[in-house]
C-alpha atoms as a PDB file:
ATOM      1  CA  MET A   1       5.194  -8.467  23.111  1.00  0.00           C
ATOM      2  CA  GLN A   2       3.596  -7.140  19.925  1.00  0.00           C
ATOM      3  CA  LYS A   3       5.209  -4.020  18.486  1.00  0.00           C
ATOM      4  CA  THR A   4       2.984  -1.015  17.882  1.00  0.00           C
ATOM      5  CA  LEU A   5       2.461   0.529  14.467  1.00  0.00           C
ATOM      6  CA  LYS A   6       4.578   3.509  15.563  1.00  0.00           C
ATOM      7  CA  GLN A   7       7.423   1.168  16.566  1.00  0.00           C
ATOM      8  CA  LEU A   8       7.228  -0.779  13.304  1.00  0.00           C
ATOM      9  CA  PHE A   9       7.126   2.444  11.278  1.00  0.00           C
ATOM     10  CA  GLY A  10      10.067   3.898  13.196  1.00  0.00           C
ATOM     11  CA  ALA A  11      12.180   0.787  12.707  1.00  0.00           C
ATOM     12  CA  ARG A  12      11.414   0.802   8.961  1.00  0.00           C
ATOM     13  CA  MET A  13      12.286   4.493   8.689  1.00  0.00           C
ATOM     14  CA  ALA A  14      15.597   3.902  10.487  1.00  0.00           C
ATOM     15  CA  GLU A  15      16.347   0.925   8.228  1.00  0.00           C
ATOM     16  CA  LEU A  16      15.767   2.981   5.076  1.00  0.00           C
ATOM     17  CA  ARG A  17      17.754   5.928   6.453  1.00  0.00           C
ATOM     18  CA  ARG A  18      20.757   3.738   7.338  1.00  0.00           C
ATOM     19  CA  ALA A  19      20.600   1.995   3.935  1.00  0.00           C
ATOM     20  CA  ARG A  20      21.145   5.406   2.371  1.00  0.00           C
ATOM     21  CA  GLY A  21      24.108   6.164   4.617  1.00  0.00           C
ATOM     22  CA  MET A  22      22.297   8.978   6.383  1.00  0.00           C
ATOM     23  CA  SER A  23      22.543   9.927  10.033  1.00  0.00           C
ATOM     24  CA  GLN A  24      19.548  11.063  12.052  1.00  0.00           C
ATOM     25  CA  GLU A  25      21.041  14.558  11.869  1.00  0.00           C
ATOM     26  CA  ASP A  26      21.271  14.370   8.059  1.00  0.00           C
ATOM     27  CA  LEU A  27      17.630  13.348   7.790  1.00  0.00           C
ATOM     28  CA  ALA A  28      16.496  15.961  10.307  1.00  0.00           C
ATOM     29  CA  ASP A  29      18.325  18.725   8.389  1.00  0.00           C
ATOM     30  CA  LEU A  30      16.767  17.676   5.081  1.00  0.00           C
ATOM     31  CA  LEU A  31      13.301  17.518   6.630  1.00  0.00           C
ATOM     32  CA  GLY A  32      13.656  20.764   8.557  1.00  0.00           C
ATOM     33  CA  VAL A  33      12.936  19.117  11.918  1.00  0.00           C
ATOM     34  CA  SER A  34      14.993  18.481  15.030  1.00  0.00           C
ATOM     35  CA  VAL A  35      17.143  15.403  15.546  1.00  0.00           C
ATOM     36  CA  GLU A  36      14.928  14.735  18.569  1.00  0.00           C
ATOM     37  CA  THR A  37      11.888  14.515  16.272  1.00  0.00           C
ATOM     38  CA  VAL A  38      13.614  11.951  14.042  1.00  0.00           C
ATOM     39  CA  SER A  39      14.782  10.015  17.103  1.00  0.00           C
ATOM     40  CA  HIS A  40      11.298   9.981  18.636  1.00  0.00           C
ATOM     41  CA  ILE A  41       9.771   8.704  15.400  1.00  0.00           C
ATOM     42  CA  GLU A  42      12.418   5.999  14.972  1.00  0.00           C
ATOM     43  CA  ARG A  43      11.943   4.824  18.573  1.00  0.00           C
ATOM     44  CA  GLY A  44       8.173   4.677  18.149  1.00  0.00           C
ATOM     45  CA  ILE A  45       7.487   7.404  20.689  1.00  0.00           C
ATOM     46  CA  HIS A  46       5.673   9.604  18.166  1.00  0.00           C
ATOM     47  CA  GLY A  47       4.275   9.057  14.703  1.00  0.00           C
ATOM     48  CA  PRO A  48       4.810  11.614  11.934  1.00  0.00           C
ATOM     49  CA  ARG A  49       2.162  14.046  10.692  1.00  0.00           C
ATOM     50  CA  PHE A  50       0.981  13.346   7.146  1.00  0.00           C
ATOM     51  CA  ASP A  51       2.983  16.224   5.672  1.00  0.00           C
ATOM     52  CA  LEU A  52       6.118  14.998   7.441  1.00  0.00           C
ATOM     53  CA  LEU A  53       5.423  11.432   6.309  1.00  0.00           C
ATOM     54  CA  GLU A  54       5.380  12.673   2.706  1.00  0.00           C
ATOM     55  CA  GLY A  55       8.664  14.489   3.284  1.00  0.00           C
ATOM     56  CA  ILE A  56      10.259  11.403   4.826  1.00  0.00           C
ATOM     57  CA  ALA A  57       9.255   9.292   1.820  1.00  0.00           C
ATOM     58  CA  ARG A  58      10.486  11.897  -0.666  1.00  0.00           C
ATOM     59  CA  THR A  59      13.792  12.383   1.187  1.00  0.00           C
ATOM     60  CA  LEU A  60      14.418   8.641   1.441  1.00  0.00           C
ATOM     61  CA  GLY A  61      13.437   8.146  -2.221  1.00  0.00           C
ATOM     62  CA  VAL A  62      10.535   5.777  -1.590  1.00  0.00           C
ATOM     63  CA  GLU A  63       6.785   5.800  -2.069  1.00  0.00           C
ATOM     64  CA  PRO A  64       4.920   6.535   1.185  1.00  0.00           C
ATOM     65  CA  ARG A  65       3.476   2.997   1.210  1.00  0.00           C
ATOM     66  CA  GLU A  66       7.019   1.571   1.319  1.00  0.00           C
ATOM     67  CA  LEU A  67       7.470   3.110   4.765  1.00  0.00           C
ATOM     68  CA  PHE A  68       4.790   0.655   5.923  1.00  0.00           C
ATOM     69  CA  GLU A  69       6.353  -2.481   4.394  1.00  0.00           C
ATOM     70  CA  PHE A  70       7.454  -4.193   7.576  1.00  0.00           C
ATOM     71  CA  ARG A  71       9.486  -7.383   7.645  1.00  0.00           C
END
C-alpha cells in the first residue's frame, strides 16, 4: 500500500526529531503545541499548517524543503 504524503511527512519529521535526541514532548513544548498534535502529524493523521511547518523546520534546524526529502 502506497503511503500518503501526510504519512511520509510525519515519518520524516519523526526521523529528524529522533536524530536530534528530542522527544515528542520536547518538540511540542518548543513549538507551543500539544504532544497530541506532534503525535498526529508524525502518524500521518494530520498535516501541519504552513506556519507550524515553518516552526518545525526552524526547531529541527532544517530548511522546510528538507522535511519533504523522503527516503
